Amino acid sequence: MPIYRCKRCNYLYIDEEQEKTFESIRNDYKCPKCRASKIFFVKKELPK
């Protein structure tokens, strides 16, 4: 299950909880918490 973490504020974008996967959202996406752009997110894989 991929999870993307904002490097600025640690907001987590969890694919399973969203309507779209992180990879499929537009490049102008902004973090809902701190408004950082999509490039500030790093991918994390949680063990199953």
N, C-alpha and C. Protein backbone atom coordinates (compact mmCIF):
# COMPACT_ATOMS: atom_id res chain seq x y z
N MET A 1 0.84 -1.18 0.00
CA MET A 1 0.00 0.00 0.00
C MET A 1 0.89 1.24 0.00
N PRO A 2 0.89 1.99 -1.08
CA PRO A 2 1.73 3.20 -1.12
C PRO A 2 1.13 4.35 -0.30
N ILE A 3 2.02 5.04 0.35
CA ILE A 3 1.68 6.24 1.12
C ILE A 3 2.69 7.30 0.74
N TYR A 4 2.22 8.52 0.60
CA TYR A 4 3.10 9.63 0.24
C TYR A 4 3.08 10.64 1.38
N ARG A 5 4.28 11.03 1.82
CA ARG A 5 4.42 11.94 2.96
C ARG A 5 4.97 13.27 2.49
N CYS A 6 4.34 14.34 2.95
CA CYS A 6 4.84 15.68 2.64
C CYS A 6 6.08 15.93 3.49
N LYS A 7 7.18 16.31 2.85
CA LYS A 7 8.44 16.54 3.58
C LYS A 7 8.37 17.80 4.44
N ARG A 8 7.46 18.70 4.14
CA ARG A 8 7.36 19.94 4.90
C ARG A 8 6.58 19.77 6.21
N CYS A 9 5.41 19.11 6.14
CA CYS A 9 4.54 19.07 7.33
C CYS A 9 4.18 17.66 7.78
N ASN A 10 4.66 16.64 7.07
CA ASN A 10 4.40 15.23 7.38
C ASN A 10 2.97 14.78 7.13
N TYR A 11 2.21 15.55 6.35
CA TYR A 11 0.87 15.12 5.94
C TYR A 11 1.00 13.83 5.14
N LEU A 12 0.09 12.88 5.37
CA LEU A 12 0.13 11.61 4.65
C LEU A 12 -0.99 11.52 3.63
N TYR A 13 -0.64 11.25 2.40
CA TYR A 13 -1.60 10.98 1.34
C TYR A 13 -1.63 9.47 1.20
N ILE A 14 -2.73 8.86 1.61
CA ILE A 14 -2.86 7.40 1.59
C ILE A 14 -3.78 7.03 0.43
N ASP A 15 -3.23 6.34 -0.56
CA ASP A 15 -3.98 6.02 -1.78
C ASP A 15 -5.32 5.36 -1.48
N GLU A 16 -5.36 4.43 -0.55
CA GLU A 16 -6.58 3.69 -0.26
C GLU A 16 -7.70 4.57 0.31
N GLU A 17 -7.35 5.70 0.88
CA GLU A 17 -8.34 6.58 1.50
C GLU A 17 -8.78 7.70 0.56
N GLN A 18 -8.18 7.81 -0.61
CA GLN A 18 -8.46 8.89 -1.55
C GLN A 18 -9.22 8.36 -2.76
N GLU A 19 -9.82 9.27 -3.52
CA GLU A 19 -10.53 8.88 -4.74
C GLU A 19 -9.57 8.50 -5.86
N LYS A 20 -8.39 9.11 -5.86
CA LYS A 20 -7.39 8.86 -6.90
C LYS A 20 -6.07 8.47 -6.26
N THR A 21 -5.27 7.73 -7.03
CA THR A 21 -3.93 7.43 -6.54
C THR A 21 -3.08 8.69 -6.64
N PHE A 22 -2.06 8.78 -5.83
CA PHE A 22 -1.20 9.96 -5.83
C PHE A 22 -0.56 10.17 -7.20
N GLU A 23 -0.16 9.08 -7.82
CA GLU A 23 0.50 9.17 -9.13
C GLU A 23 -0.44 9.72 -10.20
N SER A 24 -1.75 9.54 -10.03
CA SER A 24 -2.69 9.96 -11.07
C SER A 24 -3.22 11.38 -10.87
N ILE A 25 -2.94 12.00 -9.72
CA ILE A 25 -3.42 13.37 -9.51
C ILE A 25 -2.54 14.35 -10.28
N ARG A 26 -3.10 15.50 -10.55
CA ARG A 26 -2.40 16.50 -11.37
C ARG A 26 -1.15 17.02 -10.67
N ASN A 27 -0.20 17.50 -11.47
CA ASN A 27 1.07 18.00 -10.94
C ASN A 27 0.91 19.30 -10.16
N ASP A 28 -0.21 19.99 -10.33
CA ASP A 28 -0.41 21.23 -9.57
C ASP A 28 -1.08 20.98 -8.22
N TYR A 29 -1.15 19.70 -7.80
CA TYR A 29 -1.70 19.34 -6.49
C TYR A 29 -0.91 20.04 -5.39
N LYS A 30 -1.61 20.50 -4.37
CA LYS A 30 -0.97 21.14 -3.21
C LYS A 30 -1.36 20.37 -1.95
N CYS A 31 -0.45 20.28 -1.03
CA CYS A 31 -0.71 19.64 0.25
C CYS A 31 -1.86 20.39 0.93
N PRO A 32 -2.89 19.68 1.38
CA PRO A 32 -4.01 20.36 2.02
C PRO A 32 -3.66 20.99 3.37
N LYS A 33 -2.56 20.56 3.95
CA LYS A 33 -2.18 21.08 5.27
C LYS A 33 -1.27 22.31 5.17
N CYS A 34 -0.23 22.24 4.33
CA CYS A 34 0.75 23.34 4.28
C CYS A 34 0.88 23.99 2.90
N ARG A 35 0.14 23.48 1.92
CA ARG A 35 0.13 24.03 0.55
C ARG A 35 1.43 23.79 -0.22
N ALA A 36 2.25 22.86 0.22
CA ALA A 36 3.47 22.51 -0.52
C ALA A 36 3.07 21.81 -1.82
N SER A 37 3.88 21.96 -2.84
CA SER A 37 3.56 21.34 -4.13
C SER A 37 3.84 19.83 -4.10
N LYS A 38 3.35 19.17 -5.13
CA LYS A 38 3.44 17.71 -5.22
C LYS A 38 4.88 17.20 -5.13
N ILE A 39 5.84 17.99 -5.60
CA ILE A 39 7.24 17.53 -5.59
C ILE A 39 7.80 17.39 -4.17
N PHE A 40 7.12 17.93 -3.17
CA PHE A 40 7.58 17.82 -1.79
C PHE A 40 7.16 16.50 -1.14
N PHE A 41 6.45 15.65 -1.87
CA PHE A 41 6.01 14.38 -1.32
C PHE A 41 6.99 13.27 -1.65
N VAL A 42 7.21 12.40 -0.69
CA VAL A 42 8.06 11.22 -0.90
C VAL A 42 7.23 9.96 -0.68
N LYS A 43 7.52 8.96 -1.47
CA LYS A 43 6.78 7.70 -1.40
C LYS A 43 7.31 6.81 -0.28
N LYS A 44 6.39 6.25 0.47
CA LYS A 44 6.73 5.29 1.52
C LYS A 44 5.93 4.04 1.28
N GLU A 45 6.52 2.90 1.50
CA GLU A 45 5.80 1.62 1.41
C GLU A 45 5.68 1.03 2.80
N LEU A 46 4.46 0.77 3.20
CA LEU A 46 4.26 0.14 4.50
C LEU A 46 4.24 -1.36 4.33
N PRO A 47 4.83 -2.08 5.25
CA PRO A 47 4.79 -3.55 5.15
C PRO A 47 3.36 -4.05 5.33
N LYS A 48 3.06 -5.13 4.63
CA LYS A 48 1.70 -5.69 4.70
C LYS A 48 1.52 -6.56 5.89
